[in-house]
Amino acid sequence: MSYSCTHMHILDMRFSAHVSVEEFEQWLTQVERFFLKSQPFVLVMQTADETTFPEEYRQIQAVWYKKFKHLFFQYCLGLVRIAQDPDDFKRLNTPALHAAWRVPYYVSLDHSDALQWAVQRWICNNTQEN
């Protein structure tokens, strides 16, 4: 008899309303937890319409990304963005963004589709390891 137990690590992040610096930093800390545990994960991100971010969020993210990019590339199996509408889809689904993340990147208009893609990324990774 053999037994295998697989735990999928899908971080489903949804930003809405006004995101504070503390909340933004907390999100980055959630991603760091996967690095500390050496756990592969898939990241699903959605931003609700009319969400606002702190002025300094891009700088915070840039510093974080520079510090952790090697671990991000190592453990992030894929990143999926959920667009708000067709215009947002076009904005998020550019060759520049696909290249910038340097991990498999997918854009969807539907949360269920996004999660399906995330699960598929997880399954593909585990199939390659075994």
C-alpha atoms as a PDB file:
ATOM      1  CA  MET A   1       0.000   0.000   0.000  1.00  0.00           C
ATOM      2  CA  SER A   2       1.137   3.525  -0.638  1.00  0.00           C
ATOM      3  CA  TYR A   3      -0.228   6.806   0.549  1.00  0.00           C
ATOM      4  CA  SER A   4       0.296  10.298  -0.758  1.00  0.00           C
ATOM      5  CA  CYS A   5      -1.103  13.501   0.665  1.00  0.00           C
ATOM      6  CA  THR A   6      -0.844  16.669  -1.394  1.00  0.00           C
ATOM      7  CA  HIS A   7      -1.603  20.095  -0.002  1.00  0.00           C
ATOM      8  CA  MET A   8      -2.125  22.754  -2.615  1.00  0.00           C
ATOM      9  CA  HIS A   9      -0.819  26.167  -1.727  1.00  0.00           C
ATOM     10  CA  ILE A  10      -2.856  28.761  -3.568  1.00  0.00           C
ATOM     11  CA  LEU A  11      -2.740  32.273  -2.179  1.00  0.00           C
ATOM     12  CA  ASP A  12      -5.980  33.947  -3.269  1.00  0.00           C
ATOM     13  CA  MET A  13      -5.509  37.663  -2.625  1.00  0.00           C
ATOM     14  CA  ARG A  14      -8.352  40.141  -3.069  1.00  0.00           C
ATOM     15  CA  PHE A  15      -7.746  43.845  -2.642  1.00  0.00           C
ATOM     16  CA  SER A  16     -10.691  46.173  -2.101  1.00  0.00           C
ATOM     17  CA  ALA A  17     -11.610  49.607  -0.726  1.00  0.00           C
ATOM     18  CA  HIS A  18      -8.624  51.524   0.650  1.00  0.00           C
ATOM     19  CA  VAL A  19      -5.535  49.374   1.153  1.00  0.00           C
ATOM     20  CA  SER A  20      -3.290  50.761   3.886  1.00  0.00           C
ATOM     21  CA  VAL A  21       0.499  50.464   4.007  1.00  0.00           C
ATOM     22  CA  GLU A  22       0.109  47.930   6.825  1.00  0.00           C
ATOM     23  CA  GLU A  23      -2.312  45.812   4.793  1.00  0.00           C
ATOM     24  CA  PHE A  24      -0.047  45.933   1.759  1.00  0.00           C
ATOM     25  CA  GLU A  25       2.962  44.889   3.852  1.00  0.00           C
ATOM     26  CA  GLN A  26       0.868  42.109   5.425  1.00  0.00           C
ATOM     27  CA  TRP A  27       0.155  40.783   1.924  1.00  0.00           C
ATOM     28  CA  LEU A  28       3.887  40.681   1.172  1.00  0.00           C
ATOM     29  CA  THR A  29       4.473  38.882   4.480  1.00  0.00           C
ATOM     30  CA  GLN A  30       1.924  36.235   3.460  1.00  0.00           C
ATOM     31  CA  VAL A  31       3.981  35.541   0.333  1.00  0.00           C
ATOM     32  CA  GLU A  32       7.217  35.447   2.382  1.00  0.00           C
ATOM     33  CA  ARG A  33       5.793  32.643   4.543  1.00  0.00           C
ATOM     34  CA  PHE A  34       5.968  30.311   1.551  1.00  0.00           C
ATOM     35  CA  PHE A  35       9.646  31.205   1.107  1.00  0.00           C
ATOM     36  CA  LEU A  36      10.441  30.552   4.757  1.00  0.00           C
ATOM     37  CA  LYS A  37       8.805  27.121   4.568  1.00  0.00           C
ATOM     38  CA  SER A  38      10.326  26.318   1.152  1.00  0.00           C
ATOM     39  CA  GLN A  39       6.800  25.724  -0.167  1.00  0.00           C
ATOM     40  CA  PRO A  40       5.823  26.178  -3.800  1.00  0.00           C
ATOM     41  CA  PHE A  41       2.649  28.202  -4.313  1.00  0.00           C
ATOM     42  CA  VAL A  42       0.430  29.782  -6.940  1.00  0.00           C
ATOM     43  CA  LEU A  43      -0.637  33.384  -6.513  1.00  0.00           C
ATOM     44  CA  VAL A  44      -4.122  34.570  -7.529  1.00  0.00           C
ATOM     45  CA  MET A  45      -4.656  38.340  -7.367  1.00  0.00           C
ATOM     46  CA  GLN A  46      -7.802  40.388  -7.777  1.00  0.00           C
ATOM     47  CA  THR A  47      -8.346  44.106  -7.245  1.00  0.00           C
ATOM     48  CA  ALA A  48     -11.907  45.334  -6.878  1.00  0.00           C
ATOM     49  CA  ASP A  49     -13.106  48.342  -8.814  1.00  0.00           C
ATOM     50  CA  GLU A  50     -12.279  51.669  -7.136  1.00  0.00           C
ATOM     51  CA  THR A  51      -9.629  50.168  -4.860  1.00  0.00           C
ATOM     52  CA  THR A  52      -6.992  52.633  -3.735  1.00  0.00           C
ATOM     53  CA  PHE A  53      -3.442  51.849  -2.673  1.00  0.00           C
ATOM     54  CA  PRO A  54      -1.091  53.986  -0.584  1.00  0.00           C
ATOM     55  CA  GLU A  55       1.144  56.369  -2.540  1.00  0.00           C
ATOM     56  CA  GLU A  56       4.284  54.484  -1.554  1.00  0.00           C
ATOM     57  CA  TYR A  57       3.047  50.988  -2.406  1.00  0.00           C
ATOM     58  CA  ARG A  58       5.064  50.769  -5.649  1.00  0.00           C
ATOM     59  CA  GLN A  59       8.253  51.671  -3.792  1.00  0.00           C
ATOM     60  CA  ILE A  60       7.492  49.152  -1.038  1.00  0.00           C
ATOM     61  CA  GLN A  61       6.824  46.468  -3.627  1.00  0.00           C
ATOM     62  CA  ALA A  62       9.997  47.305  -5.582  1.00  0.00           C
ATOM     63  CA  VAL A  63      12.206  47.034  -2.489  1.00  0.00           C
ATOM     64  CA  TRP A  64      10.503  43.763  -1.488  1.00  0.00           C
ATOM     65  CA  TYR A  65      10.792  42.345  -5.000  1.00  0.00           C
ATOM     66  CA  LYS A  66      14.504  43.188  -5.200  1.00  0.00           C
ATOM     67  CA  LYS A  67      15.088  41.449  -1.857  1.00  0.00           C
ATOM     68  CA  PHE A  68      13.010  38.331  -2.592  1.00  0.00           C
ATOM     69  CA  LYS A  69      12.928  37.938  -6.381  1.00  0.00           C
ATOM     70  CA  HIS A  70      15.207  34.879  -6.388  1.00  0.00           C
ATOM     71  CA  LEU A  71      12.891  33.149  -3.900  1.00  0.00           C
ATOM     72  CA  PHE A  72       9.816  34.321  -5.787  1.00  0.00           C
ATOM     73  CA  PHE A  73      11.138  32.721  -8.993  1.00  0.00           C
ATOM     74  CA  GLN A  74      12.035  29.571  -7.074  1.00  0.00           C
ATOM     75  CA  TYR A  75       8.720  29.011  -5.279  1.00  0.00           C
ATOM     76  CA  CYS A  76       6.016  30.799  -7.282  1.00  0.00           C
ATOM     77  CA  LEU A  77       4.603  28.247  -9.730  1.00  0.00           C
ATOM     78  CA  GLY A  78       2.437  30.851 -11.413  1.00  0.00           C
ATOM     79  CA  LEU A  79       0.622  34.131 -11.064  1.00  0.00           C
ATOM     80  CA  VAL A  80      -2.916  34.750 -12.238  1.00  0.00           C
ATOM     81  CA  ARG A  81      -4.546  38.167 -12.296  1.00  0.00           C
ATOM     82  CA  ILE A  82      -8.314  38.530 -12.357  1.00  0.00           C
ATOM     83  CA  ALA A  83      -9.336  41.480 -14.484  1.00  0.00           C
ATOM     84  CA  GLN A  84     -12.350  43.639 -13.610  1.00  0.00           C
ATOM     85  CA  ASP A  85     -13.547  44.060 -17.192  1.00  0.00           C
ATOM     86  CA  PRO A  86     -12.340  43.688 -20.813  1.00  0.00           C
ATOM     87  CA  ASP A  87     -10.345  46.953 -20.659  1.00  0.00           C
ATOM     88  CA  ASP A  88      -8.602  45.836 -17.469  1.00  0.00           C
ATOM     89  CA  PHE A  89      -7.957  42.470 -19.147  1.00  0.00           C
ATOM     90  CA  LYS A  90      -6.134  44.238 -21.991  1.00  0.00           C
ATOM     91  CA  ARG A  91      -4.123  46.306 -19.496  1.00  0.00           C
ATOM     92  CA  LEU A  92      -3.053  43.241 -17.494  1.00  0.00           C
ATOM     93  CA  ASN A  93      -2.499  40.875 -20.422  1.00  0.00           C
ATOM     94  CA  THR A  94       0.400  42.611 -22.169  1.00  0.00           C
ATOM     95  CA  PRO A  95       3.629  40.954 -23.309  1.00  0.00           C
ATOM     96  CA  ALA A  96       5.519  43.337 -21.000  1.00  0.00           C
ATOM     97  CA  LEU A  97       3.678  42.071 -17.915  1.00  0.00           C
ATOM     98  CA  HIS A  98       4.083  38.447 -18.975  1.00  0.00           C
ATOM     99  CA  ALA A  99       7.826  39.041 -19.276  1.00  0.00           C
ATOM    100  CA  ALA A 100       8.144  41.160 -16.131  1.00  0.00           C
ATOM    101  CA  TRP A 101       6.916  38.513 -13.697  1.00  0.00           C
ATOM    102  CA  ARG A 102       9.207  35.794 -15.092  1.00  0.00           C
ATOM    103  CA  VAL A 103       6.867  33.045 -13.840  1.00  0.00           C
ATOM    104  CA  PRO A 104       3.908  31.533 -15.721  1.00  0.00           C
ATOM    105  CA  TYR A 105       1.375  34.369 -15.901  1.00  0.00           C
ATOM    106  CA  TYR A 106      -2.303  34.217 -16.790  1.00  0.00           C
ATOM    107  CA  VAL A 107      -5.092  36.787 -16.904  1.00  0.00           C
ATOM    108  CA  SER A 108      -8.761  35.908 -16.539  1.00  0.00           C
ATOM    109  CA  LEU A 109     -12.073  37.683 -16.189  1.00  0.00           C
ATOM    110  CA  ASP A 110     -13.495  34.910 -14.012  1.00  0.00           C
ATOM    111  CA  HIS A 111     -12.490  33.833 -10.492  1.00  0.00           C
ATOM    112  CA  SER A 112     -13.406  30.177 -11.096  1.00  0.00           C
ATOM    113  CA  ASP A 113     -11.308  30.112 -14.261  1.00  0.00           C
ATOM    114  CA  ALA A 114      -8.413  31.706 -12.374  1.00  0.00           C
ATOM    115  CA  LEU A 115      -8.570  29.085  -9.631  1.00  0.00           C
ATOM    116  CA  GLN A 116      -8.762  26.318 -12.216  1.00  0.00           C
ATOM    117  CA  TRP A 117      -5.592  27.664 -13.835  1.00  0.00           C
ATOM    118  CA  ALA A 118      -3.895  27.829 -10.408  1.00  0.00           C
ATOM    119  CA  VAL A 119      -4.790  24.219  -9.632  1.00  0.00           C
ATOM    120  CA  GLN A 120      -3.506  23.154 -13.055  1.00  0.00           C
ATOM    121  CA  ARG A 121      -0.182  24.909 -12.411  1.00  0.00           C
ATOM    122  CA  TRP A 122       0.079  23.069  -9.100  1.00  0.00           C
ATOM    123  CA  ILE A 123      -0.735  19.697 -10.683  1.00  0.00           C
ATOM    124  CA  CYS A 124       1.754  20.239 -13.546  1.00  0.00           C
ATOM    125  CA  ASN A 125       4.511  21.060 -11.062  1.00  0.00           C
ATOM    126  CA  ASN A 126       3.833  17.996  -8.905  1.00  0.00           C
ATOM    127  CA  THR A 127       3.620  15.713 -11.950  1.00  0.00           C
ATOM    128  CA  GLN A 128       7.051  16.912 -13.104  1.00  0.00           C
ATOM    129  CA  GLU A 129       8.575  16.272  -9.659  1.00  0.00           C
ATOM    130  CA  ASN A 130       7.340  12.666  -9.418  1.00  0.00           C
END
